[in-house]
Amino acid sequence: MARRRWRDLSEGQRRLIVLGAAVEAVLKIAALVDLRRRPATAVRGRKWIWGTVIALANSVGLVPIGYFLFGRRKPF
């Protein structure tokens, strides 16, 4: 099976890919900024592990969302 190239994609497919990449970039930046500002005691797990996974994993936004839902401790 031949690989599809960028020029083979329709305009709608190209826009969807670019939109998905932009959404993931915004989520990653927001998660990394929050992680940087949050004290280590307010993070579940080690900050450096969260930061590495958020920055390097290509997850369609699932890792940053996971950090926001499960990685932060709730204030009392």
PDB file of N, CA and C in Angstrom:
ATOM      1  N   MET A   1       0.845  -1.165   0.000  1.00  0.00           N
ATOM      2  CA  MET A   1       0.000   0.000   0.000  1.00  0.00           C
ATOM      3  C   MET A   1       0.902   1.244   0.000  1.00  0.00           C
ATOM      4  N   ALA A   2       0.622   2.156  -0.866  1.00  0.00           N
ATOM      5  CA  ALA A   2       1.418   3.380  -0.998  1.00  0.00           C
ATOM      6  C   ALA A   2       1.096   4.340   0.138  1.00  0.00           C
ATOM      7  N   ARG A   3       2.119   5.023   0.622  1.00  0.00           N
ATOM      8  CA  ARG A   3       1.922   6.025   1.670  1.00  0.00           C
ATOM      9  C   ARG A   3       1.316   7.281   1.062  1.00  0.00           C
ATOM     10  N   ARG A   4       0.411   7.885   1.822  1.00  0.00           N
ATOM     11  CA  ARG A   4      -0.190   9.140   1.365  1.00  0.00           C
ATOM     12  C   ARG A   4       0.739  10.282   1.709  1.00  0.00           C
ATOM     13  N   ARG A   5       0.878  11.175   0.816  1.00  0.00           N
ATOM     14  CA  ARG A   5       1.703  12.359   1.023  1.00  0.00           C
ATOM     15  C   ARG A   5       0.785  13.551   1.284  1.00  0.00           C
ATOM     16  N   TRP A   6       1.386  14.618   1.794  1.00  0.00           N
ATOM     17  CA  TRP A   6       0.621  15.820   2.111  1.00  0.00           C
ATOM     18  C   TRP A   6      -0.162  16.306   0.901  1.00  0.00           C
ATOM     19  N   ARG A   7       0.461  16.275  -0.240  1.00  0.00           N
ATOM     20  CA  ARG A   7      -0.205  16.780  -1.448  1.00  0.00           C
ATOM     21  C   ARG A   7      -1.363  15.876  -1.896  1.00  0.00           C
ATOM     22  N   ASP A   8      -1.383  14.634  -1.416  1.00  0.00           N
ATOM     23  CA  ASP A   8      -2.464  13.714  -1.769  1.00  0.00           C
ATOM     24  C   ASP A   8      -3.714  13.914  -0.915  1.00  0.00           C
ATOM     25  N   LEU A   9      -3.580  14.639   0.184  1.00  0.00           N
ATOM     26  CA  LEU A   9      -4.704  14.844   1.092  1.00  0.00           C
ATOM     27  C   LEU A   9      -5.621  15.943   0.575  1.00  0.00           C
ATOM     28  N   SER A  10      -6.884  15.820   0.929  1.00  0.00           N
ATOM     29  CA  SER A  10      -7.836  16.865   0.545  1.00  0.00           C
ATOM     30  C   SER A  10      -7.627  18.088   1.433  1.00  0.00           C
ATOM     31  N   GLU A  11      -8.210  19.186   1.048  1.00  0.00           N
ATOM     32  CA  GLU A  11      -8.100  20.421   1.816  1.00  0.00           C
ATOM     33  C   GLU A  11      -8.674  20.236   3.217  1.00  0.00           C
ATOM     34  N   GLY A  12      -9.786  19.535   3.327  1.00  0.00           N
ATOM     35  CA  GLY A  12     -10.405  19.285   4.627  1.00  0.00           C
ATOM     36  C   GLY A  12      -9.515  18.429   5.527  1.00  0.00           C
ATOM     37  N   GLN A  13      -8.882  17.420   4.964  1.00  0.00           N
ATOM     38  CA  GLN A  13      -7.977  16.576   5.743  1.00  0.00           C
ATOM     39  C   GLN A  13      -6.770  17.368   6.227  1.00  0.00           C
ATOM     40  N   ARG A  14      -6.245  18.215   5.383  1.00  0.00           N
ATOM     41  CA  ARG A  14      -5.106  19.057   5.775  1.00  0.00           C
ATOM     42  C   ARG A  14      -5.488  19.986   6.922  1.00  0.00           C
ATOM     43  N   ARG A  15      -6.646  20.606   6.821  1.00  0.00           N
ATOM     44  CA  ARG A  15      -7.102  21.513   7.875  1.00  0.00           C
ATOM     45  C   ARG A  15      -7.297  20.776   9.192  1.00  0.00           C
ATOM     46  N   LEU A  16      -7.844  19.571   9.134  1.00  0.00           N
ATOM     47  CA  LEU A  16      -8.061  18.778  10.334  1.00  0.00           C
ATOM     48  C   LEU A  16      -6.734  18.420  11.008  1.00  0.00           C
ATOM     49  N   ILE A  17      -5.737  18.070  10.226  1.00  0.00           N
ATOM     50  CA  ILE A  17      -4.420  17.747  10.777  1.00  0.00           C
ATOM     51  C   ILE A  17      -3.795  18.972  11.426  1.00  0.00           C
ATOM     52  N   VAL A  18      -3.858  20.104  10.754  1.00  0.00           N
ATOM     53  CA  VAL A  18      -3.285  21.339  11.303  1.00  0.00           C
ATOM     54  C   VAL A  18      -4.030  21.759  12.568  1.00  0.00           C
ATOM     55  N   LEU A  19      -5.351  21.665  12.567  1.00  0.00           N
ATOM     56  CA  LEU A  19      -6.143  22.006  13.740  1.00  0.00           C
ATOM     57  C   LEU A  19      -5.799  21.088  14.913  1.00  0.00           C
ATOM     58  N   GLY A  20      -5.692  19.796  14.657  1.00  0.00           N
ATOM     59  CA  GLY A  20      -5.329  18.844  15.707  1.00  0.00           C
ATOM     60  C   GLY A  20      -3.959  19.139  16.294  1.00  0.00           C
ATOM     61  N   ALA A  21      -3.008  19.475  15.439  1.00  0.00           N
ATOM     62  CA  ALA A  21      -1.663  19.810  15.910  1.00  0.00           C
ATOM     63  C   ALA A  21      -1.683  21.084  16.751  1.00  0.00           C
ATOM     64  N   ALA A  22      -2.471  22.062  16.349  1.00  0.00           N
ATOM     65  CA  ALA A  22      -2.556  23.310  17.102  1.00  0.00           C
ATOM     66  C   ALA A  22      -3.196  23.081  18.469  1.00  0.00           C
ATOM     67  N   VAL A  23      -4.245  22.284  18.519  1.00  0.00           N
ATOM     68  CA  VAL A  23      -4.908  21.989  19.793  1.00  0.00           C
ATOM     69  C   VAL A  23      -3.941  21.256  20.719  1.00  0.00           C
ATOM     70  N   GLU A  24      -3.222  20.285  20.191  1.00  0.00           N
ATOM     71  CA  GLU A  24      -2.266  19.555  21.023  1.00  0.00           C
ATOM     72  C   GLU A  24      -1.162  20.485  21.534  1.00  0.00           C
ATOM     73  N   ALA A  25      -0.679  21.379  20.695  1.00  0.00           N
ATOM     74  CA  ALA A  25       0.375  22.308  21.109  1.00  0.00           C
ATOM     75  C   ALA A  25      -0.118  23.218  22.234  1.00  0.00           C
ATOM     76  N   VAL A  26      -1.332  23.728  22.121  1.00  0.00           N
ATOM     77  CA  VAL A  26      -1.886  24.606  23.156  1.00  0.00           C
ATOM     78  C   VAL A  26      -2.050  23.839  24.467  1.00  0.00           C
ATOM     79  N   LEU A  27      -2.554  22.609  24.395  1.00  0.00           N
ATOM     80  CA  LEU A  27      -2.717  21.806  25.609  1.00  0.00           C
ATOM     81  C   LEU A  27      -1.374  21.504  26.259  1.00  0.00           C
ATOM     82  N   LYS A  28      -0.366  21.170  25.451  1.00  0.00           N
ATOM     83  CA  LYS A  28       0.959  20.882  25.995  1.00  0.00           C
ATOM     84  C   LYS A  28       1.555  22.109  26.671  1.00  0.00           C
ATOM     85  N   ILE A  29       1.452  23.248  26.025  1.00  0.00           N
ATOM     86  CA  ILE A  29       1.998  24.482  26.601  1.00  0.00           C
ATOM     87  C   ILE A  29       1.285  24.816  27.906  1.00  0.00           C
ATOM     88  N   ALA A  30      -0.034  24.706  27.925  1.00  0.00           N
ATOM     89  CA  ALA A  30      -0.785  25.008  29.139  1.00  0.00           C
ATOM     90  C   ALA A  30      -0.402  24.058  30.273  1.00  0.00           C
ATOM     91  N   ALA A  31      -0.261  22.775  29.964  1.00  0.00           N
ATOM     92  CA  ALA A  31       0.105  21.794  30.987  1.00  0.00           C
ATOM     93  C   ALA A  31       1.515  22.045  31.501  1.00  0.00           C
ATOM     94  N   LEU A  32       2.453  22.349  30.608  1.00  0.00           N
ATOM     95  CA  LEU A  32       3.827  22.599  31.038  1.00  0.00           C
ATOM     96  C   LEU A  32       3.950  23.877  31.866  1.00  0.00           C
ATOM     97  N   VAL A  33       3.208  24.910  31.503  1.00  0.00           N
ATOM     98  CA  VAL A  33       3.226  26.149  32.287  1.00  0.00           C
ATOM     99  C   VAL A  33       2.638  25.893  33.676  1.00  0.00           C
ATOM    100  N   ASP A  34       1.517  25.177  33.732  1.00  0.00           N
ATOM    101  CA  ASP A  34       0.902  24.857  35.018  1.00  0.00           C
ATOM    102  C   ASP A  34       1.856  24.014  35.867  1.00  0.00           C
ATOM    103  N   LEU A  35       2.489  23.040  35.262  1.00  0.00           N
ATOM    104  CA  LEU A  35       3.426  22.174  35.976  1.00  0.00           C
ATOM    105  C   LEU A  35       4.605  22.972  36.517  1.00  0.00           C
ATOM    106  N   ARG A  36       5.098  23.892  35.741  1.00  0.00           N
ATOM    107  CA  ARG A  36       6.233  24.718  36.163  1.00  0.00           C
ATOM    108  C   ARG A  36       5.870  25.600  37.356  1.00  0.00           C
ATOM    109  N   ARG A  37       4.679  26.148  37.361  1.00  0.00           N
ATOM    110  CA  ARG A  37       4.254  27.066  38.425  1.00  0.00           C
ATOM    111  C   ARG A  37       3.773  26.345  39.688  1.00  0.00           C
ATOM    112  N   ARG A  38       3.351  25.112  39.563  1.00  0.00           N
ATOM    113  CA  ARG A  38       2.771  24.362  40.685  1.00  0.00           C
ATOM    114  C   ARG A  38       3.886  23.779  41.563  1.00  0.00           C
ATOM    115  N   PRO A  39       3.778  23.904  42.888  1.00  0.00           N
ATOM    116  CA  PRO A  39       4.784  23.294  43.762  1.00  0.00           C
ATOM    117  C   PRO A  39       4.738  21.766  43.671  1.00  0.00           C
ATOM    118  N   ALA A  40       5.868  21.132  43.934  1.00  0.00           N
ATOM    119  CA  ALA A  40       5.970  19.672  43.816  1.00  0.00           C
ATOM    120  C   ALA A  40       4.980  18.955  44.730  1.00  0.00           C
ATOM    121  N   THR A  41       4.646  19.556  45.857  1.00  0.00           N
ATOM    122  CA  THR A  41       3.697  18.921  46.778  1.00  0.00           C
ATOM    123  C   THR A  41       2.277  18.904  46.231  1.00  0.00           C
ATOM    124  N   ALA A  42       2.011  19.715  45.232  1.00  0.00           N
ATOM    125  CA  ALA A  42       0.667  19.783  44.652  1.00  0.00           C
ATOM    126  C   ALA A  42       0.542  18.933  43.387  1.00  0.00           C
ATOM    127  N   VAL A  43       1.564  18.120  43.099  1.00  0.00           N
ATOM    128  CA  VAL A  43       1.556  17.273  41.902  1.00  0.00           C
ATOM    129  C   VAL A  43       1.624  15.819  42.337  1.00  0.00           C
ATOM    130  N   ARG A  44       0.782  14.998  41.756  1.00  0.00           N
ATOM    131  CA  ARG A  44       0.848  13.558  42.012  1.00  0.00           C
ATOM    132  C   ARG A  44       1.965  12.977  41.156  1.00  0.00           C
ATOM    133  N   GLY A  45       2.946  12.401  41.782  1.00  0.00           N
ATOM    134  CA  GLY A  45       4.091  11.868  41.052  1.00  0.00           C
ATOM    135  C   GLY A  45       5.200  12.906  40.979  1.00  0.00           C
ATOM    136  N   ARG A  46       6.208  12.594  40.209  1.00  0.00           N
ATOM    137  CA  ARG A  46       7.359  13.492  40.081  1.00  0.00           C
ATOM    138  C   ARG A  46       7.143  14.471  38.932  1.00  0.00           C
ATOM    139  N   LYS A  47       7.496  15.710  39.191  1.00  0.00           N
ATOM    140  CA  LYS A  47       7.297  16.753  38.180  1.00  0.00           C
ATOM    141  C   LYS A  47       8.109  16.478  36.921  1.00  0.00           C
ATOM    142  N   TRP A  48       9.342  15.999  37.061  1.00  0.00           N
ATOM    143  CA  TRP A  48      10.183  15.787  35.887  1.00  0.00           C
ATOM    144  C   TRP A  48       9.621  14.679  34.998  1.00  0.00           C
ATOM    145  N   ILE A  49       8.974  13.697  35.598  1.00  0.00           N
ATOM    146  CA  ILE A  49       8.361  12.636  34.778  1.00  0.00           C
ATOM    147  C   ILE A  49       7.169  13.202  34.013  1.00  0.00           C
ATOM    148  N   TRP A  50       6.311  13.944  34.709  1.00  0.00           N
ATOM    149  CA  TRP A  50       5.174  14.568  34.033  1.00  0.00           C
ATOM    150  C   TRP A  50       5.651  15.464  32.900  1.00  0.00           C
ATOM    151  N   GLY A  51       6.654  16.293  33.187  1.00  0.00           N
ATOM    152  CA  GLY A  51       7.160  17.215  32.168  1.00  0.00           C
ATOM    153  C   GLY A  51       7.713  16.503  30.957  1.00  0.00           C
ATOM    154  N   THR A  52       8.457  15.433  31.176  1.00  0.00           N
ATOM    155  CA  THR A  52       9.025  14.668  30.064  1.00  0.00           C
ATOM    156  C   THR A  52       7.929  14.030  29.215  1.00  0.00           C
ATOM    157  N   VAL A  53       6.979  13.414  29.876  1.00  0.00           N
ATOM    158  CA  VAL A  53       5.902  12.735  29.136  1.00  0.00           C
ATOM    159  C   VAL A  53       5.042  13.743  28.384  1.00  0.00           C
ATOM    160  N   ILE A  54       4.715  14.850  29.027  1.00  0.00           N
ATOM    161  CA  ILE A  54       3.900  15.877  28.366  1.00  0.00           C
ATOM    162  C   ILE A  54       4.625  16.412  27.132  1.00  0.00           C
ATOM    163  N   ALA A  55       5.911  16.681  27.280  1.00  0.00           N
ATOM    164  CA  ALA A  55       6.676  17.299  26.190  1.00  0.00           C
ATOM    165  C   ALA A  55       6.950  16.330  25.040  1.00  0.00           C
ATOM    166  N   LEU A  56       7.200  15.063  25.342  1.00  0.00           N
ATOM    167  CA  LEU A  56       7.662  14.152  24.301  1.00  0.00           C
ATOM    168  C   LEU A  56       6.606  13.228  23.714  1.00  0.00           C
ATOM    169  N   ALA A  57       5.567  12.950  24.454  1.00  0.00           N
ATOM    170  CA  ALA A  57       4.554  12.003  23.962  1.00  0.00           C
ATOM    171  C   ALA A  57       3.640  12.682  22.949  1.00  0.00           C
ATOM    172  N   ASN A  58       3.467  12.048  21.817  1.00  0.00           N
ATOM    173  CA  ASN A  58       2.529  12.527  20.804  1.00  0.00           C
ATOM    174  C   ASN A  58       1.213  11.818  21.070  1.00  0.00           C
ATOM    175  N   SER A  59       0.314  12.478  21.773  1.00  0.00           N
ATOM    176  CA  SER A  59      -0.842  11.798  22.343  1.00  0.00           C
ATOM    177  C   SER A  59      -2.194  12.349  21.920  1.00  0.00           C
ATOM    178  N   VAL A  60      -2.230  13.190  20.929  1.00  0.00           N
ATOM    179  CA  VAL A  60      -3.463  13.837  20.497  1.00  0.00           C
ATOM    180  C   VAL A  60      -4.116  14.560  21.678  1.00  0.00           C
ATOM    181  N   GLY A  61      -3.289  15.087  22.573  1.00  0.00           N
ATOM    182  CA  GLY A  61      -3.790  15.861  23.693  1.00  0.00           C
ATOM    183  C   GLY A  61      -4.186  15.062  24.918  1.00  0.00           C
ATOM    184  N   LEU A  62      -4.088  13.739  24.889  1.00  0.00           N
ATOM    185  CA  LEU A  62      -4.538  12.935  26.017  1.00  0.00           C
ATOM    186  C   LEU A  62      -3.627  13.048  27.233  1.00  0.00           C
ATOM    187  N   VAL A  63      -2.330  13.156  27.035  1.00  0.00           N
ATOM    188  CA  VAL A  63      -1.422  13.266  28.179  1.00  0.00           C
ATOM    189  C   VAL A  63      -1.633  14.596  28.916  1.00  0.00           C
ATOM    190  N   PRO A  64      -1.684  15.744  28.231  1.00  0.00           N
ATOM    191  CA  PRO A  64      -1.960  16.980  28.974  1.00  0.00           C
ATOM    192  C   PRO A  64      -3.317  16.960  29.689  1.00  0.00           C
ATOM    193  N   ILE A  65      -4.321  16.401  29.059  1.00  0.00           N
ATOM    194  CA  ILE A  65      -5.633  16.302  29.701  1.00  0.00           C
ATOM    195  C   ILE A  65      -5.545  15.379  30.912  1.00  0.00           C
ATOM    196  N   GLY A  66      -4.803  14.275  30.778  1.00  0.00           N
ATOM    197  CA  GLY A  66      -4.590  13.371  31.907  1.00  0.00           C
ATOM    198  C   GLY A  66      -3.893  14.058  33.061  1.00  0.00           C
ATOM    199  N   TYR A  67      -2.921  14.908  32.743  1.00  0.00           N
ATOM    200  CA  TYR A  67      -2.242  15.672  33.797  1.00  0.00           C
ATOM    201  C   TYR A  67      -3.238  16.577  34.512  1.00  0.00           C
ATOM    202  N   PHE A  68      -4.065  17.305  33.759  1.00  0.00           N
ATOM    203  CA  PHE A  68      -5.020  18.212  34.383  1.00  0.00           C
ATOM    204  C   PHE A  68      -6.051  17.461  35.234  1.00  0.00           C
ATOM    205  N   LEU A  69      -6.432  16.264  34.807  1.00  0.00           N
ATOM    206  CA  LEU A  69      -7.445  15.506  35.548  1.00  0.00           C
ATOM    207  C   LEU A  69      -6.867  14.712  36.716  1.00  0.00           C
ATOM    208  N   PHE A  70      -5.709  14.091  36.531  1.00  0.00           N
ATOM    209  CA  PHE A  70      -5.189  13.142  37.521  1.00  0.00           C
ATOM    210  C   PHE A  70      -3.852  13.531  38.136  1.00  0.00           C
ATOM    211  N   GLY A  71      -3.093  14.398  37.509  1.00  0.00           N
ATOM    212  CA  GLY A  71      -1.754  14.705  37.974  1.00  0.00           C
ATOM    213  C   GLY A  71      -1.668  15.786  39.025  1.00  0.00           C
ATOM    214  N   ARG A  72      -2.717  16.566  39.146  1.00  0.00           N
ATOM    215  CA  ARG A  72      -2.693  17.664  40.121  1.00  0.00           C
ATOM    216  C   ARG A  72      -3.500  17.266  41.358  1.00  0.00           C
ATOM    217  N   ARG A  73      -2.973  17.638  42.509  1.00  0.00           N
ATOM    218  CA  ARG A  73      -3.716  17.410  43.761  1.00  0.00           C
ATOM    219  C   ARG A  73      -4.746  18.511  43.925  1.00  0.00           C
ATOM    220  N   LYS A  74      -5.880  18.164  44.427  1.00  0.00           N
ATOM    221  CA  LYS A  74      -6.945  19.136  44.659  1.00  0.00           C
ATOM    222  C   LYS A  74      -6.639  19.942  45.913  1.00  0.00           C
ATOM    223  N   PRO A  75      -6.826  21.256  45.876  1.00  0.00           N
ATOM    224  CA  PRO A  75      -6.622  22.052  47.097  1.00  0.00           C
ATOM    225  C   PRO A  75      -7.714  21.729  48.127  1.00  0.00           C
ATOM    226  N   PHE A  76      -7.357  21.795  49.369  1.00  0.00           N
ATOM    227  CA  PHE A  76      -8.310  21.470  50.434  1.00  0.00           C
ATOM    228  C   PHE A  76      -9.152  22.642  50.809  1.00  0.00           C
TER     229      PHE A  76
END
